[in-house]
Amino acid sequence: MDYSFTIEPLSHTTFEDESDQLDQCKEWGLLSEKAAKTKAFFYKGNGQNIPCNIIGFVDKMTAVIEFENKQLHCIHPSYLKEMQAANYSQRLAAAEDSGAADEGDALQEISAVTTDDVSDSEAPAELDVQKELDVPKAKADKPAASKSKVKKEKAPKLELPEDKVKMIATVSEFTTVPNNFSDTEDEVVIYEAVSITDPATEIGTAWSSHSNTLKKLELQIGDTLTFECKIVAKKLSKHPVPYKINNPAKMQKVAVE
């Protein structure tokens, strides 16, 4: 069975593994910080109540879900979170009865993909409606949500290995980045002179979460480390750092002469 309401992404980033999926779902507020594994999610919009998997993202404000028939759909993470409430269908039905949801439903069912090649200056006013992603009506007035477009991701410059590799890096900076679904910011570490040791490959700059494991090492700016990890193309918010270090293990400080 095909779903006519889907907004399929032109391009998206697929999660490398379950750990990457967990990290992003926690950032979106779809899972608690203590969650050790993912859970079942359901799409309850457009009169549906169907299971779905979160398989990746277009950008930080656009999740990509997959239905059992393998169709992909773009959706705002906050909207997907609202759908998980047990009484969501009842609340939606009540809103539809009062007529409040009519405009929101129309916006959700029009694909943003069809306007990708039309500039804002050339598009007629009615095409503005087509820029909407699958978002809750309450968020449709917010520029960040209502004007979201499906954008093509730039291809990574490096061929990154899929498996864990041995790496070396130097701590460059400790900083925080905004978390749109939490009152607190996320702590991160930025590294410079990052490279894979075998096979020898220069990465440049990368970042990782400043986890409790890392904090135990009491790192300082300038410390050089060796470790094993997965390296993925994932840009740090508001910083020109294109690669992320996932699940670093066997971390050791290296004495530099």
Protein backbone atom coordinates (compact mmCIF):
# COMPACT_ATOMS: atom_id res chain seq x y z
CA MET A 1 0.00 0.00 0.00
CA ASP A 2 1.37 3.42 -0.99
CA TYR A 3 0.76 6.53 1.12
CA SER A 4 -0.10 9.60 -0.96
CA PHE A 5 0.72 12.09 1.81
CA THR A 6 4.44 11.33 1.97
CA ILE A 7 7.04 14.05 1.36
CA GLU A 8 10.05 12.08 0.15
CA PRO A 9 13.49 13.70 0.63
CA LEU A 10 15.57 14.53 -2.43
CA SER A 11 18.64 13.72 -0.37
CA HIS A 12 19.24 12.78 3.25
CA THR A 13 21.81 11.46 5.70
CA THR A 14 21.19 7.92 6.95
CA PHE A 15 22.26 7.02 10.49
CA GLU A 16 25.53 5.09 10.53
CA ASP A 17 24.39 2.76 13.28
CA GLU A 18 22.02 2.48 16.26
CA SER A 19 24.35 4.58 18.42
CA ASP A 20 24.18 7.45 15.92
CA GLN A 21 20.39 7.08 15.82
CA LEU A 22 20.17 7.14 19.63
CA ASP A 23 22.29 10.30 19.86
CA GLN A 24 20.14 12.18 17.33
CA CYS A 25 16.82 11.01 18.80
CA LYS A 26 17.98 12.17 22.25
CA GLU A 27 18.95 15.54 20.76
CA TRP A 28 15.46 15.84 19.27
CA GLY A 29 13.84 14.87 22.58
CA LEU A 30 12.32 11.68 21.14
CA LEU A 31 14.22 9.52 23.64
CA SER A 32 15.31 10.18 27.20
CA GLU A 33 18.99 10.77 27.96
CA LYS A 34 19.07 7.45 29.83
CA ALA A 35 17.71 5.43 26.89
CA ALA A 36 20.01 2.55 25.88
CA LYS A 37 18.04 1.51 22.80
CA THR A 38 15.41 2.92 20.47
CA LYS A 39 11.66 2.31 20.78
CA ALA A 40 8.70 1.84 18.45
CA PHE A 41 7.38 5.05 16.86
CA PHE A 42 4.01 5.65 15.21
CA TYR A 43 2.87 8.14 12.57
CA LYS A 44 -0.64 9.35 13.42
CA GLY A 45 -1.15 12.18 10.92
CA ASN A 46 -3.43 12.25 7.87
CA GLY A 47 -5.89 9.83 9.51
CA GLN A 48 -3.21 7.16 9.87
CA ASN A 49 -1.79 5.20 12.80
CA ILE A 50 1.12 3.26 11.36
CA PRO A 51 4.51 2.14 12.72
CA CYS A 52 7.61 3.84 11.37
CA ASN A 53 11.38 3.87 11.84
CA ILE A 54 13.54 7.00 12.13
CA ILE A 55 16.29 6.27 9.61
CA GLY A 56 18.04 9.64 9.18
CA PHE A 57 17.62 13.37 8.60
CA VAL A 58 17.72 16.11 5.97
CA ASP A 59 18.81 18.72 8.51
CA LYS A 60 18.48 19.34 12.26
CA MET A 61 14.83 20.34 11.87
CA THR A 62 13.80 17.62 9.42
CA ALA A 63 13.74 13.94 10.38
CA VAL A 64 13.31 11.17 7.80
CA ILE A 65 11.07 8.23 8.72
CA GLU A 66 10.46 4.97 6.86
CA PHE A 67 7.18 3.06 6.75
CA GLU A 68 6.79 -0.70 6.44
CA ASN A 69 6.34 -0.36 2.66
CA LYS A 70 9.79 1.36 2.47
CA GLN A 71 8.32 4.78 1.62
CA LEU A 72 10.27 7.69 3.15
CA HIS A 73 8.67 10.80 4.64
CA CYS A 74 10.06 14.13 5.93
CA ILE A 75 8.66 15.28 9.27
CA HIS A 76 9.45 17.84 11.95
CA PRO A 77 10.83 15.98 15.02
CA SER A 78 8.56 17.91 17.41
CA TYR A 79 5.50 16.83 15.42
CA LEU A 80 6.60 13.20 15.52
CA LYS A 81 7.10 13.55 19.28
CA GLU A 82 3.54 14.88 19.70
CA MET A 83 2.21 11.88 17.77
CA GLN A 84 3.57 9.47 20.38
CA ALA A 85 1.08 10.72 23.01
CA ALA A 86 -1.59 8.13 23.75
CA ASN A 87 -4.42 10.67 23.31
CA TYR A 88 -3.01 12.32 20.17
CA SER A 89 -5.62 10.85 17.81
CA GLN A 90 -8.46 12.00 20.07
CA ARG A 91 -7.07 15.52 20.31
CA LEU A 92 -6.58 15.68 16.55
CA ALA A 93 -10.13 14.46 15.91
CA ALA A 94 -11.51 17.12 18.26
CA ALA A 95 -9.55 19.81 16.43
CA GLU A 96 -10.80 18.57 13.07
CA ASP A 97 -14.41 18.65 14.31
CA SER A 98 -14.02 22.31 15.20
CA GLY A 99 -12.42 23.08 11.86
CA ALA A 100 -9.17 24.25 13.41
CA ALA A 101 -7.07 21.60 11.76
CA ASP A 102 -8.29 22.09 8.17
CA GLU A 103 -5.54 24.50 7.15
CA GLY A 104 -2.82 22.51 8.95
CA ASP A 105 -3.82 19.29 7.17
CA ALA A 106 -3.69 21.02 3.79
CA LEU A 107 -0.19 22.30 4.45
CA GLN A 108 1.05 18.89 5.62
CA GLU A 109 -0.13 17.12 2.45
CA ILE A 110 1.53 19.42 -0.10
CA SER A 111 5.10 18.40 -1.00
CA ALA A 112 7.94 20.88 -0.69
CA VAL A 113 9.87 18.97 -3.33
CA THR A 114 7.89 20.41 -6.26
CA THR A 115 9.13 23.97 -5.57
CA ASP A 116 12.80 23.13 -5.19
CA ASP A 117 13.67 24.62 -8.60
CA VAL A 118 11.46 27.73 -8.28
CA SER A 119 13.00 30.88 -6.79
CA ASP A 120 11.15 32.94 -4.18
CA SER A 121 11.08 35.96 -6.50
CA GLU A 122 9.51 34.02 -9.38
CA ALA A 123 7.07 31.80 -7.49
CA PRO A 124 3.41 32.88 -7.30
CA ALA A 125 1.99 33.42 -3.84
CA GLU A 126 0.12 30.13 -3.80
CA LEU A 127 3.39 28.18 -4.15
CA ASP A 128 4.48 29.37 -0.71
CA VAL A 129 2.14 26.74 0.69
CA GLN A 130 4.21 24.03 -0.94
CA LYS A 131 7.26 24.91 1.13
CA GLU A 132 5.68 23.42 4.24
CA LEU A 133 6.99 20.18 5.70
CA ASP A 134 4.97 17.81 7.88
CA VAL A 135 4.83 20.05 10.98
CA PRO A 136 2.20 20.69 13.66
CA LYS A 137 -0.07 23.66 12.95
CA ALA A 138 1.12 25.35 16.16
CA LYS A 139 4.61 25.52 14.64
CA ALA A 140 3.52 26.60 11.16
CA ASP A 141 3.88 30.29 12.13
CA LYS A 142 7.53 29.87 13.09
CA PRO A 143 9.94 30.79 10.25
CA ALA A 144 12.38 28.00 11.08
CA ALA A 145 9.68 25.36 10.66
CA SER A 146 7.31 26.79 8.05
CA LYS A 147 10.02 27.79 5.59
CA SER A 148 12.03 24.59 5.77
CA LYS A 149 13.01 23.19 2.38
CA VAL A 150 14.45 19.88 1.38
CA LYS A 151 18.03 20.72 0.46
CA LYS A 152 20.62 18.57 -1.19
CA GLU A 153 23.50 17.59 1.08
CA LYS A 154 26.99 18.26 -0.18
CA ALA A 155 28.94 15.05 -0.75
CA PRO A 156 31.70 14.48 1.82
CA LYS A 157 35.17 15.26 0.51
CA LEU A 158 36.68 12.15 2.06
CA GLU A 159 35.90 8.48 1.64
CA LEU A 160 35.35 7.60 5.28
CA PRO A 161 35.71 3.98 6.48
CA GLU A 162 32.55 2.26 7.67
CA ASP A 163 34.25 0.32 10.48
CA LYS A 164 36.05 1.51 13.59
CA VAL A 165 39.54 2.85 12.97
CA LYS A 166 42.51 3.96 15.05
CA MET A 167 42.88 7.74 15.18
CA ILE A 168 44.96 10.50 16.69
CA ALA A 169 43.77 14.04 17.45
CA THR A 170 44.61 17.11 19.50
CA VAL A 171 42.07 18.92 21.69
CA SER A 172 41.46 22.36 20.20
CA GLU A 173 38.43 23.73 22.04
CA PHE A 174 35.68 22.98 24.56
CA THR A 175 32.35 24.55 23.68
CA THR A 176 28.58 24.13 23.77
CA VAL A 177 25.99 24.08 21.01
CA PRO A 178 22.26 24.80 21.21
CA ASN A 179 19.82 21.94 21.71
CA ASN A 180 16.46 22.94 20.26
CA PHE A 181 14.62 20.40 22.41
CA SER A 182 16.26 21.09 25.78
CA ASP A 183 16.74 24.04 28.09
CA THR A 184 20.45 23.22 28.37
CA GLU A 185 23.13 23.26 25.68
CA ASP A 186 25.15 20.20 24.64
CA GLU A 187 28.81 20.06 25.65
CA VAL A 188 31.21 19.14 22.84
CA VAL A 189 34.95 18.84 22.20
CA ILE A 190 36.53 20.15 19.00
CA TYR A 191 39.75 18.50 17.78
CA GLU A 192 42.44 19.60 15.33
CA ALA A 193 45.18 17.69 13.51
CA VAL A 194 42.79 14.73 13.31
CA SER A 195 43.97 11.76 11.27
CA ILE A 196 43.43 8.03 10.82
CA THR A 197 46.62 6.15 11.64
CA ASP A 198 45.97 3.04 9.56
CA PRO A 199 45.59 3.61 6.69
CA ALA A 200 47.17 7.05 7.10
CA THR A 201 44.45 9.58 6.26
CA GLU A 202 44.28 13.24 7.24
CA ILE A 203 40.87 14.36 8.44
CA GLY A 204 41.60 17.91 9.63
CA THR A 205 39.04 18.94 12.24
CA ALA A 206 36.38 16.88 13.98
CA TRP A 207 34.18 16.95 17.07
CA SER A 208 32.63 14.66 19.63
CA SER A 209 30.23 14.87 22.54
CA HIS A 210 31.94 15.74 25.82
CA SER A 211 30.74 12.54 27.47
CA ASN A 212 31.26 11.45 31.06
CA THR A 213 33.95 9.04 29.84
CA LEU A 214 35.88 11.91 28.29
CA LYS A 215 35.44 14.07 31.37
CA LYS A 216 37.18 11.40 33.46
CA LEU A 217 40.34 12.01 31.41
CA GLU A 218 40.34 15.67 32.56
CA LEU A 219 41.34 16.83 29.10
CA GLN A 220 43.02 20.16 28.50
CA ILE A 221 43.41 22.19 25.32
CA GLY A 222 46.54 20.93 23.56
CA ASP A 223 46.25 17.33 24.81
CA THR A 224 46.91 14.77 22.07
CA LEU A 225 44.93 11.53 22.18
CA THR A 226 44.86 8.17 20.45
CA PHE A 227 41.63 6.18 20.32
CA GLU A 228 39.40 3.87 18.28
CA CYS A 229 36.12 5.15 16.88
CA LYS A 230 33.83 5.56 13.91
CA ILE A 231 34.30 8.79 11.98
CA VAL A 232 31.23 10.13 10.14
CA ALA A 233 30.35 13.19 8.07
CA LYS A 234 28.21 15.22 10.48
CA LYS A 235 28.68 18.99 10.75
CA LEU A 236 28.78 20.63 14.17
CA SER A 237 26.03 23.20 14.62
CA LYS A 238 27.27 26.79 14.13
CA HIS A 239 30.90 25.65 13.68
CA PRO A 240 32.90 24.84 10.50
CA VAL A 241 33.68 21.31 11.71
CA PRO A 242 32.49 18.71 9.16
CA TYR A 243 33.19 15.36 10.85
CA LYS A 244 32.02 13.70 14.06
CA ILE A 245 33.86 11.15 16.20
CA ASN A 246 31.36 8.52 17.37
CA ASN A 247 31.84 6.28 20.42
CA PRO A 248 35.58 6.81 21.02
CA ALA A 249 37.14 3.93 22.97
CA LYS A 250 40.57 2.94 24.30
CA MET A 251 41.44 6.63 24.67
CA GLN A 252 44.97 7.42 25.80
CA LYS A 253 46.84 10.68 26.17
CA VAL A 254 50.03 10.90 24.13
CA ALA A 255 53.10 12.70 25.41
CA VAL A 256 54.24 15.20 22.77
CA GLU A 257 57.90 16.29 22.88
